Structures are given as C-alpha cells and as structure tokens.
Amino acid sequence: MTEQAQEPTPESAPRTLEVDGRTITVKPLTFVQSLDLGVLLESLLADLDRTIGDGSDLSGLLDTFYAHPEALRRMLLLSTGEEEAWLDSLDSETGDRLVIELYLANAPFFLRRISMRRLARKASEEAAGAVQAEAQAT
C-alpha cells in the first residue's frame, strides 16, 4: 500500500511592521495561547469560516475581526507582546495594518481550525444521517 502524498501545511511565520520608528513583530499564536483564548475564538472562527472560506477571498477580513473586538484585542496583545496602552494609542491605519499582519502570521492556524470545524460538522452530519437511516430501517 502506498501513502498518498499530502501538500505540506504552510508554516506560521512572524511578521514585522514599522510603527513610530519601532519594529513590531507579530508572532504566530502558540498552542497554549490559543487555549487561553478559548471561547473567544469560537465565534470568530465561525465568522471567519463564513467570510473567508478557504482563505482565497479576504475582502471581509477586517470587518470579521472587528466584529470580535475582545478576541482581536487579546490576540494582538499576545502576538505582539506589547502593552494595552500601546495598542490603545494606535491610529486606525496602523491598527488595520496590524490586524492584517496578525492574520498573515496566523493564517495557517485560522485555516487549520476552520478545516477542523468543517470536518467535525461533516462527521456530525454523517452520524446523524446514519442514526436516521438506522431508525427508518427498524
């Protein structure tokens, strides 16, 4: 039996941007940080799934993140290691750029989580169909 070749999963990578003469590094979220975000991520991931699908159309990305301000704020603080006062001081253009860099640094994480949600949903639908078929057969 031969193994089927799988496309390599893209790796998350830190991103940088210049803000007021400082280089800010936006790092991918760690596993433990994603656990700490917990429930805050659930509704964001559901909305990202609806908005960006496979990641090829990012036109609604900012609006989706901005609909989840607490999750976004926590992710930005965790990813940059910066203080809340710094985040609060950003102008809107810089904030928009920072959110885009956050997404780019964490795109594999977001897309993987969206894929896992879809697989779980599909498995649940198949299980429900099997239970219904079994009930009808008896």
N, C-alpha and C. Protein backbone atom coordinates (compact mmCIF):
# COMPACT_ATOMS: atom_id res chain seq x y z
N MET A 1 0.84 -1.16 0.00
CA MET A 1 0.00 0.00 0.00
C MET A 1 0.90 1.23 0.00
N THR A 2 0.61 2.18 -0.87
CA THR A 2 1.43 3.38 -0.94
C THR A 2 0.74 4.52 -0.23
N GLU A 3 1.54 5.36 0.36
CA GLU A 3 0.97 6.53 1.02
C GLU A 3 0.72 7.61 0.00
N GLN A 4 -0.38 8.28 0.18
CA GLN A 4 -0.72 9.38 -0.71
C GLN A 4 0.05 10.62 -0.26
N ALA A 5 0.69 11.29 -1.21
CA ALA A 5 1.44 12.50 -0.89
C ALA A 5 0.47 13.59 -0.49
N GLN A 6 0.81 14.27 0.59
CA GLN A 6 -0.02 15.38 1.05
C GLN A 6 0.73 16.68 0.82
N GLU A 7 -0.04 17.71 0.51
CA GLU A 7 0.56 19.02 0.37
C GLU A 7 1.08 19.44 1.74
N PRO A 8 2.26 20.03 1.78
CA PRO A 8 2.76 20.48 3.08
C PRO A 8 1.89 21.59 3.64
N THR A 9 1.68 21.54 4.93
CA THR A 9 0.93 22.59 5.59
C THR A 9 1.82 23.82 5.70
N PRO A 10 1.32 24.98 5.29
CA PRO A 10 2.17 26.17 5.41
C PRO A 10 2.47 26.44 6.88
N GLU A 11 3.65 26.89 7.11
CA GLU A 11 4.06 27.18 8.48
C GLU A 11 3.76 28.63 8.81
N SER A 12 3.39 28.87 10.04
CA SER A 12 3.22 30.23 10.50
C SER A 12 4.59 30.87 10.63
N ALA A 13 4.65 32.14 10.38
CA ALA A 13 5.91 32.86 10.48
C ALA A 13 5.66 34.25 11.05
N PRO A 14 6.59 34.71 11.88
CA PRO A 14 6.43 36.07 12.40
C PRO A 14 6.43 37.10 11.27
N ARG A 15 5.75 38.20 11.50
CA ARG A 15 5.67 39.30 10.55
C ARG A 15 6.14 40.56 11.27
N THR A 16 6.65 41.50 10.53
CA THR A 16 7.09 42.75 11.16
C THR A 16 6.47 43.94 10.44
N LEU A 17 6.32 45.01 11.19
CA LEU A 17 5.91 46.28 10.62
C LEU A 17 6.52 47.40 11.44
N GLU A 18 6.71 48.53 10.79
CA GLU A 18 7.27 49.70 11.45
C GLU A 18 6.14 50.56 12.01
N VAL A 19 6.23 50.88 13.28
CA VAL A 19 5.24 51.75 13.92
C VAL A 19 6.00 52.80 14.71
N ASP A 20 5.84 54.05 14.32
CA ASP A 20 6.50 55.16 15.02
C ASP A 20 8.00 54.92 15.20
N GLY A 21 8.65 54.44 14.16
CA GLY A 21 10.09 54.23 14.20
C GLY A 21 10.53 52.96 14.92
N ARG A 22 9.59 52.17 15.38
CA ARG A 22 9.90 50.89 16.06
C ARG A 22 9.49 49.74 15.18
N THR A 23 10.27 48.68 15.24
CA THR A 23 9.89 47.46 14.54
C THR A 23 9.06 46.61 15.48
N ILE A 24 7.83 46.33 15.07
CA ILE A 24 6.92 45.50 15.86
C ILE A 24 6.87 44.13 15.20
N THR A 25 7.07 43.10 15.99
CA THR A 25 6.98 41.74 15.48
C THR A 25 5.65 41.14 15.90
N VAL A 26 4.95 40.60 14.93
CA VAL A 26 3.67 39.92 15.17
C VAL A 26 3.96 38.43 15.03
N LYS A 27 3.90 37.73 16.14
CA LYS A 27 4.25 36.31 16.16
C LYS A 27 3.00 35.44 16.05
N PRO A 28 3.17 34.26 15.50
CA PRO A 28 2.04 33.31 15.49
C PRO A 28 1.65 32.96 16.92
N LEU A 29 0.37 32.76 17.12
CA LEU A 29 -0.12 32.33 18.43
C LEU A 29 0.42 30.94 18.73
N THR A 30 0.76 30.72 19.97
CA THR A 30 1.19 29.39 20.38
C THR A 30 -0.05 28.55 20.71
N PHE A 31 0.17 27.27 20.84
CA PHE A 31 -0.93 26.37 21.19
C PHE A 31 -1.57 26.79 22.51
N VAL A 32 -0.76 27.06 23.51
CA VAL A 32 -1.28 27.42 24.83
C VAL A 32 -2.02 28.76 24.76
N GLN A 33 -1.51 29.70 23.98
CA GLN A 33 -2.23 30.97 23.82
C GLN A 33 -3.59 30.74 23.19
N SER A 34 -3.65 29.86 22.20
CA SER A 34 -4.95 29.57 21.58
C SER A 34 -5.90 28.93 22.58
N LEU A 35 -5.37 28.11 23.48
CA LEU A 35 -6.21 27.53 24.53
C LEU A 35 -6.70 28.61 25.49
N ASP A 36 -5.81 29.54 25.82
CA ASP A 36 -6.20 30.63 26.72
C ASP A 36 -7.29 31.50 26.11
N LEU A 37 -7.28 31.64 24.79
CA LEU A 37 -8.31 32.43 24.12
C LEU A 37 -9.65 31.71 24.09
N GLY A 38 -9.59 30.38 24.10
CA GLY A 38 -10.75 29.52 24.20
C GLY A 38 -12.01 29.98 23.51
N VAL A 39 -13.02 30.27 24.31
CA VAL A 39 -14.35 30.59 23.83
C VAL A 39 -14.35 31.84 22.95
N LEU A 40 -13.44 32.78 23.22
CA LEU A 40 -13.37 34.00 22.40
C LEU A 40 -13.11 33.67 20.94
N LEU A 41 -12.38 32.59 20.70
CA LEU A 41 -12.05 32.22 19.32
C LEU A 41 -13.21 31.55 18.60
N GLU A 42 -14.09 30.89 19.32
CA GLU A 42 -15.13 30.09 18.68
C GLU A 42 -16.01 30.89 17.73
N SER A 43 -16.55 32.01 18.19
CA SER A 43 -17.43 32.77 17.31
C SER A 43 -16.63 33.47 16.21
N LEU A 44 -15.40 33.87 16.50
CA LEU A 44 -14.55 34.46 15.47
C LEU A 44 -14.27 33.44 14.37
N LEU A 45 -13.93 32.21 14.76
CA LEU A 45 -13.66 31.17 13.76
C LEU A 45 -14.89 30.86 12.92
N ALA A 46 -16.05 30.83 13.55
CA ALA A 46 -17.29 30.58 12.80
C ALA A 46 -17.51 31.68 11.77
N ASP A 47 -17.28 32.93 12.17
CA ASP A 47 -17.46 34.04 11.23
C ASP A 47 -16.38 34.04 10.16
N LEU A 48 -15.15 33.70 10.52
CA LEU A 48 -14.09 33.61 9.51
C LEU A 48 -14.43 32.52 8.49
N ASP A 49 -14.97 31.42 8.96
CA ASP A 49 -15.36 30.33 8.06
C ASP A 49 -16.35 30.83 7.02
N ARG A 50 -17.34 31.58 7.47
CA ARG A 50 -18.34 32.13 6.55
C ARG A 50 -17.76 33.21 5.65
N THR A 51 -16.85 34.00 6.18
CA THR A 51 -16.34 35.17 5.45
C THR A 51 -15.25 34.83 4.44
N ILE A 52 -14.25 34.06 4.88
CA ILE A 52 -13.09 33.84 4.00
C ILE A 52 -13.02 32.45 3.42
N GLY A 53 -13.84 31.55 3.92
CA GLY A 53 -13.86 30.20 3.36
C GLY A 53 -12.50 29.56 3.34
N ASP A 54 -11.94 29.35 2.15
CA ASP A 54 -10.66 28.68 2.02
C ASP A 54 -9.48 29.64 2.12
N GLY A 55 -9.73 30.90 2.37
CA GLY A 55 -8.65 31.87 2.52
C GLY A 55 -8.31 32.62 1.24
N SER A 56 -9.01 32.32 0.16
CA SER A 56 -8.66 32.96 -1.11
C SER A 56 -9.33 34.33 -1.28
N ASP A 57 -10.41 34.61 -0.54
CA ASP A 57 -11.08 35.90 -0.64
C ASP A 57 -11.05 36.55 0.73
N LEU A 58 -10.20 37.55 0.87
CA LEU A 58 -10.02 38.19 2.16
C LEU A 58 -10.73 39.54 2.26
N SER A 59 -11.67 39.79 1.36
CA SER A 59 -12.30 41.11 1.30
C SER A 59 -13.06 41.48 2.58
N GLY A 60 -13.58 40.52 3.31
CA GLY A 60 -14.31 40.81 4.54
C GLY A 60 -13.51 40.57 5.80
N LEU A 61 -12.21 40.39 5.65
CA LEU A 61 -11.36 40.01 6.79
C LEU A 61 -11.41 41.03 7.92
N LEU A 62 -11.15 42.29 7.62
CA LEU A 62 -11.12 43.29 8.69
C LEU A 62 -12.46 43.40 9.40
N ASP A 63 -13.54 43.44 8.62
CA ASP A 63 -14.87 43.54 9.24
C ASP A 63 -15.14 42.36 10.16
N THR A 64 -14.71 41.18 9.75
CA THR A 64 -14.92 39.99 10.58
C THR A 64 -14.15 40.09 11.88
N PHE A 65 -12.89 40.48 11.82
CA PHE A 65 -12.12 40.64 13.05
C PHE A 65 -12.70 41.74 13.92
N TYR A 66 -13.12 42.86 13.30
CA TYR A 66 -13.64 43.98 14.08
C TYR A 66 -14.98 43.66 14.74
N ALA A 67 -15.66 42.64 14.26
CA ALA A 67 -16.91 42.21 14.89
C ALA A 67 -16.64 41.43 16.18
N HIS A 68 -15.37 41.14 16.45
CA HIS A 68 -14.97 40.38 17.64
C HIS A 68 -13.85 41.14 18.37
N PRO A 69 -14.18 42.32 18.91
CA PRO A 69 -13.13 43.18 19.46
C PRO A 69 -12.35 42.58 20.63
N GLU A 70 -12.99 41.85 21.50
CA GLU A 70 -12.27 41.29 22.64
C GLU A 70 -11.28 40.21 22.19
N ALA A 71 -11.71 39.33 21.31
CA ALA A 71 -10.79 38.30 20.79
C ALA A 71 -9.65 38.96 20.03
N LEU A 72 -9.96 39.95 19.21
CA LEU A 72 -8.93 40.63 18.43
C LEU A 72 -7.92 41.31 19.34
N ARG A 73 -8.42 42.02 20.31
CA ARG A 73 -7.54 42.72 21.25
C ARG A 73 -6.59 41.74 21.96
N ARG A 74 -7.15 40.66 22.46
CA ARG A 74 -6.32 39.67 23.16
C ARG A 74 -5.29 39.04 22.23
N MET A 75 -5.70 38.71 20.99
CA MET A 75 -4.75 38.13 20.04
C MET A 75 -3.64 39.11 19.71
N LEU A 76 -3.98 40.38 19.52
CA LEU A 76 -2.96 41.37 19.21
C LEU A 76 -1.96 41.52 20.35
N LEU A 77 -2.46 41.56 21.56
CA LEU A 77 -1.56 41.68 22.72
C LEU A 77 -0.67 40.45 22.85
N LEU A 78 -1.24 39.27 22.68
CA LEU A 78 -0.44 38.04 22.78
C LEU A 78 0.57 37.94 21.64
N SER A 79 0.16 38.29 20.43
CA SER A 79 1.03 38.16 19.27
C SER A 79 2.17 39.17 19.25
N THR A 80 1.92 40.36 19.76
CA THR A 80 2.95 41.39 19.71
C THR A 80 3.77 41.48 21.00
N GLY A 81 3.18 41.04 22.12
CA GLY A 81 3.87 41.19 23.40
C GLY A 81 3.88 42.63 23.89
N GLU A 82 3.09 43.48 23.21
CA GLU A 82 3.03 44.89 23.58
C GLU A 82 2.02 45.11 24.70
N GLU A 83 2.07 46.30 25.29
CA GLU A 83 1.17 46.68 26.36
C GLU A 83 -0.15 47.22 25.80
N GLU A 84 -1.19 47.15 26.60
CA GLU A 84 -2.50 47.67 26.17
C GLU A 84 -2.45 49.14 25.83
N ALA A 85 -1.67 49.91 26.58
CA ALA A 85 -1.57 51.34 26.31
C ALA A 85 -1.02 51.59 24.90
N TRP A 86 -0.07 50.79 24.47
CA TRP A 86 0.47 50.93 23.12
C TRP A 86 -0.62 50.65 22.10
N LEU A 87 -1.35 49.56 22.30
CA LEU A 87 -2.42 49.19 21.38
C LEU A 87 -3.47 50.30 21.32
N ASP A 88 -3.82 50.84 22.48
CA ASP A 88 -4.82 51.91 22.55
C ASP A 88 -4.36 53.18 21.83
N SER A 89 -3.07 53.38 21.71
CA SER A 89 -2.54 54.61 21.12
C SER A 89 -2.47 54.57 19.59
N LEU A 90 -2.72 53.42 18.98
CA LEU A 90 -2.57 53.30 17.53
C LEU A 90 -3.64 54.06 16.77
N ASP A 91 -3.25 54.68 15.65
CA ASP A 91 -4.24 55.28 14.78
C ASP A 91 -4.90 54.17 13.97
N SER A 92 -6.00 54.48 13.31
CA SER A 92 -6.78 53.43 12.64
C SER A 92 -6.03 52.78 11.48
N GLU A 93 -5.24 53.55 10.73
CA GLU A 93 -4.49 52.97 9.62
C GLU A 93 -3.47 51.95 10.13
N THR A 94 -2.75 52.31 11.17
CA THR A 94 -1.77 51.40 11.75
C THR A 94 -2.46 50.18 12.34
N GLY A 95 -3.60 50.41 12.99
CA GLY A 95 -4.37 49.29 13.54
C GLY A 95 -4.80 48.32 12.45
N ASP A 96 -5.28 48.86 11.33
CA ASP A 96 -5.67 48.00 10.21
C ASP A 96 -4.49 47.18 9.71
N ARG A 97 -3.34 47.82 9.55
CA ARG A 97 -2.14 47.10 9.10
C ARG A 97 -1.75 46.01 10.10
N LEU A 98 -1.87 46.32 11.39
CA LEU A 98 -1.53 45.35 12.43
C LEU A 98 -2.45 44.13 12.38
N VAL A 99 -3.74 44.36 12.16
CA VAL A 99 -4.70 43.26 12.06
C VAL A 99 -4.37 42.38 10.85
N ILE A 100 -4.03 42.99 9.74
CA ILE A 100 -3.66 42.21 8.56
C ILE A 100 -2.41 41.39 8.83
N GLU A 101 -1.42 41.98 9.50
CA GLU A 101 -0.21 41.23 9.84
C GLU A 101 -0.53 40.09 10.81
N LEU A 102 -1.46 40.34 11.75
CA LEU A 102 -1.88 39.28 12.66
C LEU A 102 -2.47 38.11 11.88
N TYR A 103 -3.33 38.43 10.92
CA TYR A 103 -3.91 37.36 10.12
C TYR A 103 -2.83 36.62 9.34
N LEU A 104 -1.95 37.35 8.68
CA LEU A 104 -0.92 36.70 7.87
C LEU A 104 0.02 35.82 8.71
N ALA A 105 0.35 36.28 9.91
CA ALA A 105 1.21 35.49 10.79
C ALA A 105 0.51 34.23 11.28
N ASN A 106 -0.82 34.29 11.33
CA ASN A 106 -1.60 33.18 11.89
C ASN A 106 -2.53 32.50 10.89
N ALA A 107 -2.39 32.81 9.61
CA ALA A 107 -3.29 32.23 8.60
C ALA A 107 -3.33 30.71 8.66
N PRO A 108 -2.18 30.02 8.76
CA PRO A 108 -2.27 28.55 8.85
C PRO A 108 -3.09 28.09 10.06
N PHE A 109 -2.94 28.77 11.18
CA PHE A 109 -3.71 28.44 12.38
C PHE A 109 -5.21 28.62 12.11
N PHE A 110 -5.59 29.79 11.58
CA PHE A 110 -7.01 30.05 11.31
C PHE A 110 -7.58 29.05 10.31
N LEU A 111 -6.87 28.82 9.22
CA LEU A 111 -7.36 27.91 8.19
C LEU A 111 -7.44 26.46 8.69
N ARG A 112 -6.47 26.07 9.51
CA ARG A 112 -6.49 24.71 10.09
C ARG A 112 -7.69 24.55 11.03
N ARG A 113 -7.93 25.56 11.86
CA ARG A 113 -9.07 25.49 12.78
C ARG A 113 -10.40 25.50 12.02
N ILE A 114 -10.47 26.28 10.95
CA ILE A 114 -11.68 26.28 10.13
C ILE A 114 -11.88 24.91 9.51
N SER A 115 -10.82 24.31 9.01
CA SER A 115 -10.91 22.97 8.42
C SER A 115 -11.36 21.94 9.45
N MET A 116 -10.84 22.03 10.67
CA MET A 116 -11.23 21.10 11.73
C MET A 116 -12.70 21.27 12.06
N ARG A 117 -13.19 22.50 12.08
CA ARG A 117 -14.62 22.75 12.34
C ARG A 117 -15.46 22.10 11.25
N ARG A 118 -15.03 22.25 10.00
CA ARG A 118 -15.77 21.68 8.88
C ARG A 118 -15.79 20.16 8.95
N LEU A 119 -14.65 19.55 9.28
CA LEU A 119 -14.60 18.09 9.40
C LEU A 119 -15.51 17.60 10.51
N ALA A 120 -15.49 18.29 11.64
CA ALA A 120 -16.36 17.91 12.76
C ALA A 120 -17.83 18.04 12.37
N ARG A 121 -18.16 19.11 11.66
CA ARG A 121 -19.55 19.32 11.23
C ARG A 121 -19.96 18.21 10.26
N LYS A 122 -19.09 17.86 9.33
CA LYS A 122 -19.39 16.81 8.36
C LYS A 122 -19.57 15.46 9.07
N ALA A 123 -18.68 15.15 10.01
CA ALA A 123 -18.79 13.89 10.75
C ALA A 123 -20.10 13.84 11.53
N SER A 124 -20.48 14.97 12.12
CA SER A 124 -21.72 15.02 12.87
C SER A 124 -22.93 14.81 11.96
N GLU A 125 -22.90 15.43 10.79
CA GLU A 125 -24.00 15.26 9.83
C GLU A 125 -24.08 13.81 9.35
N GLU A 126 -22.93 13.20 9.09
CA GLU A 126 -22.92 11.80 8.65
C GLU A 126 -23.43 10.87 9.75
N ALA A 127 -23.04 11.14 10.98
CA ALA A 127 -23.50 10.32 12.09
C ALA A 127 -25.02 10.46 12.27
N ALA A 128 -25.51 11.69 12.16
CA ALA A 128 -26.95 11.91 12.29
C ALA A 128 -27.68 11.20 11.15
N GLY A 129 -27.14 11.23 9.96
CA GLY A 129 -27.75 10.52 8.83
C GLY A 129 -27.77 9.03 9.05
N ALA A 130 -26.70 8.47 9.61
CA ALA A 130 -26.64 7.04 9.86
C ALA A 130 -27.65 6.64 10.92
N VAL A 131 -27.80 7.46 11.97
CA VAL A 131 -28.77 7.19 13.02
C VAL A 131 -30.19 7.25 12.44
N GLN A 132 -30.44 8.23 11.60
CA GLN A 132 -31.76 8.36 10.99
C GLN A 132 -32.04 7.17 10.08
N ALA A 133 -31.07 6.73 9.29
CA ALA A 133 -31.23 5.58 8.41
C ALA A 133 -31.49 4.33 9.22
N GLU A 134 -30.80 4.18 10.31
CA GLU A 134 -30.98 3.01 11.19
C GLU A 134 -32.38 3.01 11.80
N ALA A 135 -32.84 4.19 12.22
CA ALA A 135 -34.19 4.31 12.80
C ALA A 135 -35.26 3.98 11.78
N GLN A 136 -35.05 4.39 10.54
CA GLN A 136 -36.03 4.12 9.50
C GLN A 136 -36.04 2.63 9.12
N ALA A 137 -34.90 1.98 9.25
CA ALA A 137 -34.78 0.56 8.88
C ALA A 137 -35.46 -0.32 9.92
N THR A 138 -35.63 0.17 11.11
CA THR A 138 -36.25 -0.66 12.15
C THR A 138 -37.70 -0.37 12.35
